Amino acid sequence: MLPAEEEFEVEIQNISGGGLCFLSDRELPVSEYLEWQFAIDIGDREIEVYGQLVWMEKKEELYLYGVKFVFLEETEQRNLITSINTIQIRRRQREKYITG
């Protein structure tokens, strides 16, 4: 079991206004009774959200987790969705520019 204040990095695979999916080399408990804090770098700012691990899938030596956000205010959720959409638009514009 992890200490309550231990921090570690994970690799976000996808994110939406309702949750995220991340990859980790750590096996973590999937439980609706545990809340995890995530500090997510979105563009030029960091957003802190809380979530519950709702599923886990073992991928070779890694673990893929699904997170459902909890305690996320509607305003925070809209800001998160706006930030995600902005990043996706910029990424598509770069890809379009590169591929011509």
N, C-alpha and C. Protein backbone atom coordinates (compact mmCIF):
# COMPACT_ATOMS: atom_id res chain seq x y z
N MET A 1 0.84 -1.18 0.00
CA MET A 1 0.00 0.00 0.00
C MET A 1 0.89 1.24 0.00
N LEU A 2 0.46 2.26 -0.71
CA LEU A 2 1.22 3.50 -0.80
C LEU A 2 0.95 4.40 0.39
N PRO A 3 2.00 5.11 0.87
CA PRO A 3 1.75 6.13 1.89
C PRO A 3 0.83 7.22 1.33
N ALA A 4 0.03 7.83 2.19
CA ALA A 4 -0.98 8.80 1.75
C ALA A 4 -0.38 9.98 0.98
N GLU A 5 0.82 10.38 1.30
CA GLU A 5 1.40 11.57 0.67
C GLU A 5 2.42 11.25 -0.42
N GLU A 6 2.59 10.01 -0.79
CA GLU A 6 3.57 9.66 -1.81
C GLU A 6 3.12 10.15 -3.18
N GLU A 7 4.04 10.79 -3.88
CA GLU A 7 3.76 11.27 -5.23
C GLU A 7 4.54 10.43 -6.23
N PHE A 8 3.94 10.20 -7.39
CA PHE A 8 4.64 9.53 -8.47
C PHE A 8 4.00 9.93 -9.78
N GLU A 9 4.75 9.78 -10.86
CA GLU A 9 4.25 10.18 -12.18
C GLU A 9 3.62 9.00 -12.90
N VAL A 10 2.60 9.33 -13.69
CA VAL A 10 1.96 8.34 -14.55
C VAL A 10 1.86 8.95 -15.95
N GLU A 11 1.61 8.11 -16.93
CA GLU A 11 1.47 8.59 -18.31
C GLU A 11 0.00 8.56 -18.71
N ILE A 12 -0.57 9.74 -18.90
CA ILE A 12 -1.98 9.82 -19.29
C ILE A 12 -2.12 9.37 -20.74
N GLN A 13 -3.03 8.43 -20.97
CA GLN A 13 -3.29 7.92 -22.32
C GLN A 13 -4.40 8.69 -23.00
N ASN A 14 -5.44 9.04 -22.23
CA ASN A 14 -6.51 9.89 -22.74
C ASN A 14 -7.22 10.54 -21.56
N ILE A 15 -7.91 11.63 -21.86
CA ILE A 15 -8.57 12.39 -20.81
C ILE A 15 -9.83 13.02 -21.38
N SER A 16 -10.84 13.14 -20.53
CA SER A 16 -12.10 13.79 -20.91
C SER A 16 -12.59 14.58 -19.71
N GLY A 17 -13.75 15.17 -19.84
CA GLY A 17 -14.31 15.92 -18.73
C GLY A 17 -14.77 15.05 -17.57
N GLY A 18 -14.93 13.75 -17.83
CA GLY A 18 -15.43 12.85 -16.79
C GLY A 18 -14.39 11.95 -16.16
N GLY A 19 -13.22 11.86 -16.79
CA GLY A 19 -12.19 10.99 -16.24
C GLY A 19 -10.98 10.90 -17.14
N LEU A 20 -10.12 9.96 -16.83
CA LEU A 20 -8.91 9.77 -17.62
C LEU A 20 -8.49 8.31 -17.57
N CYS A 21 -7.56 7.99 -18.43
CA CYS A 21 -6.95 6.67 -18.48
C CYS A 21 -5.45 6.89 -18.40
N PHE A 22 -4.77 6.15 -17.51
CA PHE A 22 -3.32 6.34 -17.40
C PHE A 22 -2.61 5.00 -17.32
N LEU A 23 -1.32 5.06 -17.64
CA LEU A 23 -0.42 3.92 -17.64
C LEU A 23 0.57 4.10 -16.50
N SER A 24 0.85 3.03 -15.76
CA SER A 24 1.79 3.10 -14.65
C SER A 24 2.52 1.78 -14.51
N ASP A 25 3.70 1.84 -13.91
CA ASP A 25 4.43 0.61 -13.62
C ASP A 25 4.08 0.08 -12.23
N ARG A 26 3.16 0.75 -11.54
CA ARG A 26 2.75 0.36 -10.19
C ARG A 26 1.39 -0.33 -10.20
N GLU A 27 1.28 -1.35 -9.39
CA GLU A 27 -0.03 -1.98 -9.19
C GLU A 27 -0.72 -1.23 -8.06
N LEU A 28 -1.88 -0.65 -8.36
CA LEU A 28 -2.61 0.18 -7.41
C LEU A 28 -3.97 -0.45 -7.11
N PRO A 29 -4.51 -0.20 -5.93
CA PRO A 29 -5.82 -0.77 -5.60
C PRO A 29 -6.95 -0.06 -6.32
N VAL A 30 -7.82 -0.83 -6.95
CA VAL A 30 -9.01 -0.29 -7.60
C VAL A 30 -10.13 -0.37 -6.57
N SER A 31 -10.64 0.81 -6.17
CA SER A 31 -11.66 0.84 -5.12
C SER A 31 -12.43 2.14 -5.17
N GLU A 32 -13.73 2.06 -4.96
CA GLU A 32 -14.56 3.26 -4.89
C GLU A 32 -14.37 3.98 -3.56
N TYR A 33 -13.66 3.37 -2.63
CA TYR A 33 -13.45 3.97 -1.31
C TYR A 33 -12.17 4.79 -1.24
N LEU A 34 -11.37 4.77 -2.28
CA LEU A 34 -10.13 5.54 -2.30
C LEU A 34 -10.24 6.65 -3.33
N GLU A 35 -9.80 7.84 -2.94
CA GLU A 35 -9.72 8.95 -3.89
C GLU A 35 -8.26 9.28 -4.12
N TRP A 36 -7.93 9.53 -5.36
CA TRP A 36 -6.57 9.86 -5.76
C TRP A 36 -6.54 11.30 -6.26
N GLN A 37 -5.47 11.99 -5.96
CA GLN A 37 -5.30 13.36 -6.43
C GLN A 37 -4.37 13.33 -7.64
N PHE A 38 -4.79 14.03 -8.69
CA PHE A 38 -4.00 14.12 -9.92
C PHE A 38 -3.68 15.58 -10.20
N ALA A 39 -2.41 15.88 -10.42
CA ALA A 39 -1.99 17.21 -10.87
C ALA A 39 -1.64 17.05 -12.35
N ILE A 40 -2.48 17.62 -13.20
CA ILE A 40 -2.37 17.39 -14.65
C ILE A 40 -1.89 18.66 -15.33
N ASP A 41 -0.79 18.54 -16.09
CA ASP A 41 -0.31 19.67 -16.89
C ASP A 41 -1.13 19.73 -18.16
N ILE A 42 -1.90 20.80 -18.31
CA ILE A 42 -2.73 21.01 -19.50
C ILE A 42 -2.26 22.30 -20.13
N GLY A 43 -1.53 22.17 -21.23
CA GLY A 43 -1.04 23.38 -21.88
C GLY A 43 -0.09 24.13 -20.97
N ASP A 44 -0.45 25.35 -20.65
CA ASP A 44 0.43 26.20 -19.85
C ASP A 44 0.02 26.27 -18.38
N ARG A 45 -0.86 25.39 -17.94
CA ARG A 45 -1.27 25.42 -16.53
C ARG A 45 -1.45 24.02 -15.98
N GLU A 46 -1.53 23.96 -14.66
CA GLU A 46 -1.72 22.68 -13.99
C GLU A 46 -3.11 22.66 -13.35
N ILE A 47 -3.81 21.56 -13.54
CA ILE A 47 -5.14 21.39 -12.97
C ILE A 47 -5.08 20.23 -11.97
N GLU A 48 -5.63 20.46 -10.79
CA GLU A 48 -5.71 19.39 -9.80
C GLU A 48 -7.13 18.84 -9.76
N VAL A 49 -7.23 17.53 -9.89
CA VAL A 49 -8.53 16.86 -9.84
C VAL A 49 -8.41 15.63 -8.93
N TYR A 50 -9.55 15.17 -8.47
CA TYR A 50 -9.61 13.96 -7.67
C TYR A 50 -10.39 12.91 -8.44
N GLY A 51 -9.98 11.66 -8.26
CA GLY A 51 -10.68 10.60 -8.97
C GLY A 51 -10.58 9.27 -8.26
N GLN A 52 -11.43 8.36 -8.69
CA GLN A 52 -11.42 6.99 -8.19
C GLN A 52 -10.97 6.07 -9.32
N LEU A 53 -10.13 5.10 -8.97
CA LEU A 53 -9.74 4.09 -9.95
C LEU A 53 -10.91 3.13 -10.09
N VAL A 54 -11.44 3.01 -11.30
CA VAL A 54 -12.63 2.18 -11.50
C VAL A 54 -12.33 0.88 -12.26
N TRP A 55 -11.20 0.82 -12.92
CA TRP A 55 -10.80 -0.44 -13.56
C TRP A 55 -9.29 -0.45 -13.76
N MET A 56 -8.75 -1.66 -13.94
CA MET A 56 -7.32 -1.84 -14.18
C MET A 56 -7.15 -3.00 -15.16
N GLU A 57 -6.19 -2.85 -16.06
CA GLU A 57 -5.87 -3.90 -17.02
C GLU A 57 -4.36 -4.04 -17.06
N LYS A 58 -3.86 -5.25 -16.88
CA LYS A 58 -2.42 -5.47 -16.92
C LYS A 58 -1.97 -5.55 -18.37
N LYS A 59 -0.93 -4.78 -18.70
CA LYS A 59 -0.35 -4.75 -20.04
C LYS A 59 1.13 -5.07 -19.93
N GLU A 60 1.49 -6.33 -20.12
CA GLU A 60 2.87 -6.80 -19.97
C GLU A 60 3.38 -6.41 -18.58
N GLU A 61 4.37 -5.52 -18.49
CA GLU A 61 4.92 -5.11 -17.19
C GLU A 61 4.27 -3.85 -16.65
N LEU A 62 3.25 -3.35 -17.33
CA LEU A 62 2.60 -2.10 -16.93
C LEU A 62 1.13 -2.34 -16.61
N TYR A 63 0.52 -1.31 -16.04
CA TYR A 63 -0.90 -1.37 -15.68
C TYR A 63 -1.61 -0.17 -16.28
N LEU A 64 -2.75 -0.43 -16.88
CA LEU A 64 -3.59 0.62 -17.46
C LEU A 64 -4.80 0.79 -16.53
N TYR A 65 -5.07 2.05 -16.15
CA TYR A 65 -6.14 2.34 -15.19
C TYR A 65 -7.16 3.29 -15.77
N GLY A 66 -8.40 3.11 -15.38
CA GLY A 66 -9.47 4.05 -15.70
C GLY A 66 -9.85 4.81 -14.44
N VAL A 67 -9.98 6.12 -14.57
CA VAL A 67 -10.29 6.99 -13.44
C VAL A 67 -11.58 7.74 -13.72
N LYS A 68 -12.44 7.78 -12.72
CA LYS A 68 -13.65 8.60 -12.78
C LYS A 68 -13.42 9.79 -11.86
N PHE A 69 -13.55 11.01 -12.40
CA PHE A 69 -13.36 12.20 -11.57
C PHE A 69 -14.47 12.30 -10.54
N VAL A 70 -14.09 12.75 -9.34
CA VAL A 70 -15.06 13.01 -8.27
C VAL A 70 -14.80 14.41 -7.74
N PHE A 71 -15.79 15.00 -7.13
CA PHE A 71 -15.68 16.34 -6.54
C PHE A 71 -15.30 17.40 -7.57
N LEU A 72 -15.67 17.21 -8.82
CA LEU A 72 -15.33 18.16 -9.87
C LEU A 72 -16.53 19.07 -10.10
N GLU A 73 -16.34 20.34 -9.79
CA GLU A 73 -17.41 21.32 -9.98
C GLU A 73 -17.70 21.49 -11.47
N GLU A 74 -18.90 21.88 -11.81
CA GLU A 74 -19.29 22.06 -13.21
C GLU A 74 -18.38 23.06 -13.91
N THR A 75 -18.03 24.15 -13.22
CA THR A 75 -17.14 25.16 -13.81
C THR A 75 -15.77 24.57 -14.09
N GLU A 76 -15.23 23.80 -13.13
CA GLU A 76 -13.93 23.16 -13.32
C GLU A 76 -13.98 22.19 -14.48
N GLN A 77 -15.09 21.45 -14.59
CA GLN A 77 -15.23 20.49 -15.67
C GLN A 77 -15.26 21.19 -17.03
N ARG A 78 -15.99 22.30 -17.12
CA ARG A 78 -16.03 23.06 -18.38
C ARG A 78 -14.64 23.59 -18.73
N ASN A 79 -13.90 24.11 -17.72
CA ASN A 79 -12.55 24.61 -17.97
C ASN A 79 -11.63 23.49 -18.45
N LEU A 80 -11.76 22.32 -17.86
CA LEU A 80 -10.95 21.18 -18.26
C LEU A 80 -11.26 20.79 -19.70
N ILE A 81 -12.53 20.70 -20.05
CA ILE A 81 -12.94 20.34 -21.41
C ILE A 81 -12.45 21.38 -22.41
N THR A 82 -12.56 22.66 -22.06
CA THR A 82 -12.08 23.73 -22.94
C THR A 82 -10.58 23.60 -23.17
N SER A 83 -9.82 23.35 -22.10
CA SER A 83 -8.37 23.20 -22.22
C SER A 83 -8.01 22.00 -23.09
N ILE A 84 -8.70 20.88 -22.89
CA ILE A 84 -8.44 19.68 -23.69
C ILE A 84 -8.74 19.95 -25.16
N ASN A 85 -9.86 20.59 -25.43
CA ASN A 85 -10.22 20.90 -26.82
C ASN A 85 -9.21 21.83 -27.47
N THR A 86 -8.73 22.82 -26.74
CA THR A 86 -7.72 23.75 -27.27
C THR A 86 -6.45 23.00 -27.65
N ILE A 87 -6.01 22.11 -26.78
CA ILE A 87 -4.80 21.32 -27.07
C ILE A 87 -5.02 20.44 -28.29
N GLN A 88 -6.18 19.81 -28.40
CA GLN A 88 -6.46 18.95 -29.56
C GLN A 88 -6.48 19.76 -30.86
N ILE A 89 -7.06 20.94 -30.83
CA ILE A 89 -7.09 21.80 -32.03
C ILE A 89 -5.68 22.18 -32.44
N ARG A 90 -4.85 22.58 -31.47
CA ARG A 90 -3.46 22.95 -31.78
C ARG A 90 -2.69 21.77 -32.35
N ARG A 91 -2.90 20.59 -31.77
CA ARG A 91 -2.21 19.39 -32.23
C ARG A 91 -2.60 19.07 -33.68
N ARG A 92 -3.89 19.16 -33.97
CA ARG A 92 -4.35 18.89 -35.35
C ARG A 92 -3.79 19.91 -36.33
N GLN A 93 -3.73 21.17 -35.92
CA GLN A 93 -3.19 22.20 -36.80
C GLN A 93 -1.71 21.94 -37.09
N ARG A 94 -0.95 21.53 -36.06
CA ARG A 94 0.46 21.20 -36.26
C ARG A 94 0.61 20.02 -37.20
N GLU A 95 -0.21 18.97 -36.98
CA GLU A 95 -0.14 17.79 -37.84
C GLU A 95 -0.49 18.14 -39.28
N LYS A 96 -1.50 18.97 -39.46
CA LYS A 96 -1.90 19.39 -40.80
C LYS A 96 -0.77 20.19 -41.46
N TYR A 97 -0.12 21.05 -40.68
CA TYR A 97 0.98 21.86 -41.20
C TYR A 97 2.15 20.97 -41.60
N ILE A 98 2.46 19.97 -40.76
CA ILE A 98 3.60 19.09 -41.02
C ILE A 98 3.33 18.19 -42.23
N THR A 99 2.12 17.63 -42.32
CA THR A 99 1.82 16.71 -43.42
C THR A 99 1.41 17.42 -44.69
N GLY A 100 1.12 18.71 -44.56
CA GLY A 100 0.81 19.53 -45.73
C GLY A 100 -0.48 19.22 -46.33
